[in-house]
Protein backbone atom coordinates (compact mmCIF):
# COMPACT_ATOMS: atom_id res chain seq x y z
CA MET A 1 0.00 0.00 0.00
CA VAL A 2 2.82 2.35 0.74
CA GLU A 3 3.99 4.21 -2.32
CA ASP A 4 7.43 3.29 -3.55
CA SER A 5 10.00 5.42 -5.33
CA ALA A 6 9.20 3.39 -8.47
CA GLU A 7 5.76 5.07 -8.46
CA THR A 8 7.41 8.42 -9.17
CA ALA A 9 9.48 7.11 -12.09
CA ASP A 10 8.30 7.58 -15.67
CA PRO A 11 5.27 5.35 -16.06
CA ILE A 12 5.34 2.36 -18.39
CA VAL A 13 3.00 2.85 -21.34
CA ILE A 14 0.53 0.05 -21.89
CA LYS A 15 -1.58 0.03 -25.04
CA LYS A 16 -5.00 -1.62 -25.05
CA TYR A 17 -6.16 -2.90 -28.41
CA ALA A 18 -9.72 -3.42 -29.65
CA ASN A 19 -9.36 -7.15 -29.07
CA ARG A 20 -8.82 -6.30 -25.35
CA ARG A 21 -5.15 -7.27 -25.46
CA LEU A 22 -2.77 -5.19 -23.41
CA TYR A 23 0.69 -4.43 -24.79
CA ASN A 24 3.64 -3.31 -22.66
CA THR A 25 5.58 -0.90 -24.90
CA VAL A 26 8.73 -1.13 -22.75
CA ASN A 27 9.06 -4.92 -22.83
CA ALA A 28 7.42 -5.25 -26.27
CA SER A 29 5.16 -7.98 -24.94
CA PHE A 30 1.52 -8.61 -24.24
CA VAL A 31 0.44 -8.54 -20.60
CA THR A 32 -2.65 -9.54 -18.65
CA LEU A 33 -4.66 -7.81 -15.95
CA ASP A 34 -2.87 -10.11 -13.49
CA ASP A 35 0.46 -8.75 -14.74
CA LEU A 36 -0.75 -5.19 -14.23
CA HIS A 37 -2.02 -6.13 -10.77
CA LYS A 38 1.47 -7.41 -9.90
CA MET A 39 2.98 -4.17 -11.24
CA VAL A 40 0.72 -2.17 -8.92
CA LYS A 41 1.69 -4.37 -5.95
CA ASP A 42 5.38 -3.92 -6.86
CA GLY A 43 4.97 -0.13 -6.99
CA ARG A 44 5.57 0.07 -10.76
CA SER A 45 3.82 3.00 -12.38
CA PHE A 46 1.99 2.58 -15.67
CA ILE A 47 -0.56 4.32 -17.83
CA VAL A 48 -2.91 2.62 -20.25
CA HIS A 49 -3.81 4.19 -23.58
CA ASP A 50 -6.42 3.04 -26.03
CA ALA A 51 -4.33 1.98 -29.03
CA LYS A 52 -6.73 3.48 -31.57
CA SER A 53 -7.68 6.81 -29.97
CA ALA A 54 -4.64 7.26 -27.66
CA ARG A 55 -7.13 8.19 -24.91
CA ASP A 56 -5.94 7.55 -21.33
CA ILE A 57 -8.00 4.63 -20.00
CA THR A 58 -5.87 3.86 -16.94
CA SER A 59 -8.73 4.36 -14.46
CA SER A 60 -10.95 1.99 -16.40
CA VAL A 61 -8.29 -0.74 -16.44
CA LEU A 62 -7.51 -0.27 -12.74
CA THR A 63 -11.24 -0.58 -12.05
CA GLN A 64 -11.25 -3.84 -14.00
CA ILE A 65 -8.45 -5.14 -11.78
CA ILE A 66 -10.45 -4.21 -8.67
CA ALA A 67 -13.60 -5.85 -10.09
CA GLU A 68 -11.60 -9.00 -10.81
CA GLN A 69 -10.31 -9.10 -7.23
CA GLU A 70 -13.82 -8.55 -5.88
CA SER A 71 -15.14 -11.42 -8.02
CA LYS A 72 -12.43 -13.70 -6.56
CA GLY A 73 -13.88 -13.12 -3.09
CA HIS A 74 -11.48 -10.40 -1.93
CA ASN A 75 -14.37 -8.16 -0.97
CA VAL A 76 -12.90 -4.87 0.19
CA LEU A 77 -15.61 -2.59 -1.16
CA PRO A 78 -18.94 -2.98 0.67
CA ASP A 79 -22.14 -2.82 -1.36
CA LYS A 80 -23.28 0.32 0.50
CA TYR A 81 -20.02 2.09 -0.43
CA LEU A 82 -20.32 1.06 -4.09
CA ARG A 83 -23.91 2.33 -4.22
CA GLN A 84 -22.82 5.65 -2.72
CA MET A 85 -20.01 5.88 -5.25
CA ILE A 86 -22.41 5.27 -8.15
CA LYS A 87 -24.73 7.93 -6.73
CA ALA A 88 -21.78 10.37 -6.54
CA TYR A 89 -21.36 10.06 -10.31
CA SER A 90 -25.02 10.98 -10.77
CA ASP A 91 -24.79 13.87 -8.32
CA GLY A 92 -21.75 15.35 -10.08
CA VAL A 93 -19.45 15.19 -7.06
CA GLY A 94 -16.94 12.84 -8.71
CA PRO A 95 -13.96 15.23 -8.66
CA GLN A 96 -14.44 16.08 -4.97
CA LEU A 97 -14.87 12.40 -4.12
CA ALA A 98 -11.73 11.50 -6.07
CA THR A 99 -9.67 14.04 -4.12
CA PHE A 100 -11.12 12.84 -0.82
CA LEU A 101 -10.40 9.18 -1.66
CA GLU A 102 -6.81 9.93 -2.71
CA GLN A 103 -6.17 11.80 0.54
CA SER A 104 -7.86 9.07 2.59
CA MET A 105 -5.74 6.34 1.00
CA ALA A 106 -2.57 8.37 1.60
CA VAL A 107 -3.47 8.70 5.30
CA PHE A 108 -4.31 4.99 5.46
CA ALA A 109 -0.99 4.04 3.82
CA THR A 110 0.95 6.23 6.24
CA HIS A 111 -0.92 4.73 9.19
CA GLN A 112 -0.32 1.20 7.88
CA LYS A 113 3.40 1.92 7.47
CA ASN A 114 3.61 3.26 11.04
CA VAL A 115 1.83 0.20 12.44
CA MET A 116 4.16 -2.14 10.53
CA GLN A 117 7.20 -0.27 11.85
CA GLN A 118 5.90 -0.47 15.42
CA MET A 119 5.30 -4.22 15.06
CA GLN A 120 8.94 -4.72 14.02
């Protein structure tokens, strides 16, 4: 959870093709959502572009990774929270919610790091 110095490095560019294949432009190889999940866990920064339009679709792909984890039984996001999040899109408070969530996760990561240090 704690951000690594690799997160601040230039992000790896991943291209997503119409056939849903993901291509790592640094390694010149196709990758899976599991590979991207491992990159996130390892603190490797990446961005995902639609190969045809060059539009940044990183958030969409990260959401797919979360959905995949949720479907495997790693339920971190309660139904009530997800419903509130969907409602936030409708209410137009997405940008404020995004800022709040980023700050909350940063505080959580710092707290987690402190707890781990105290346990050692």
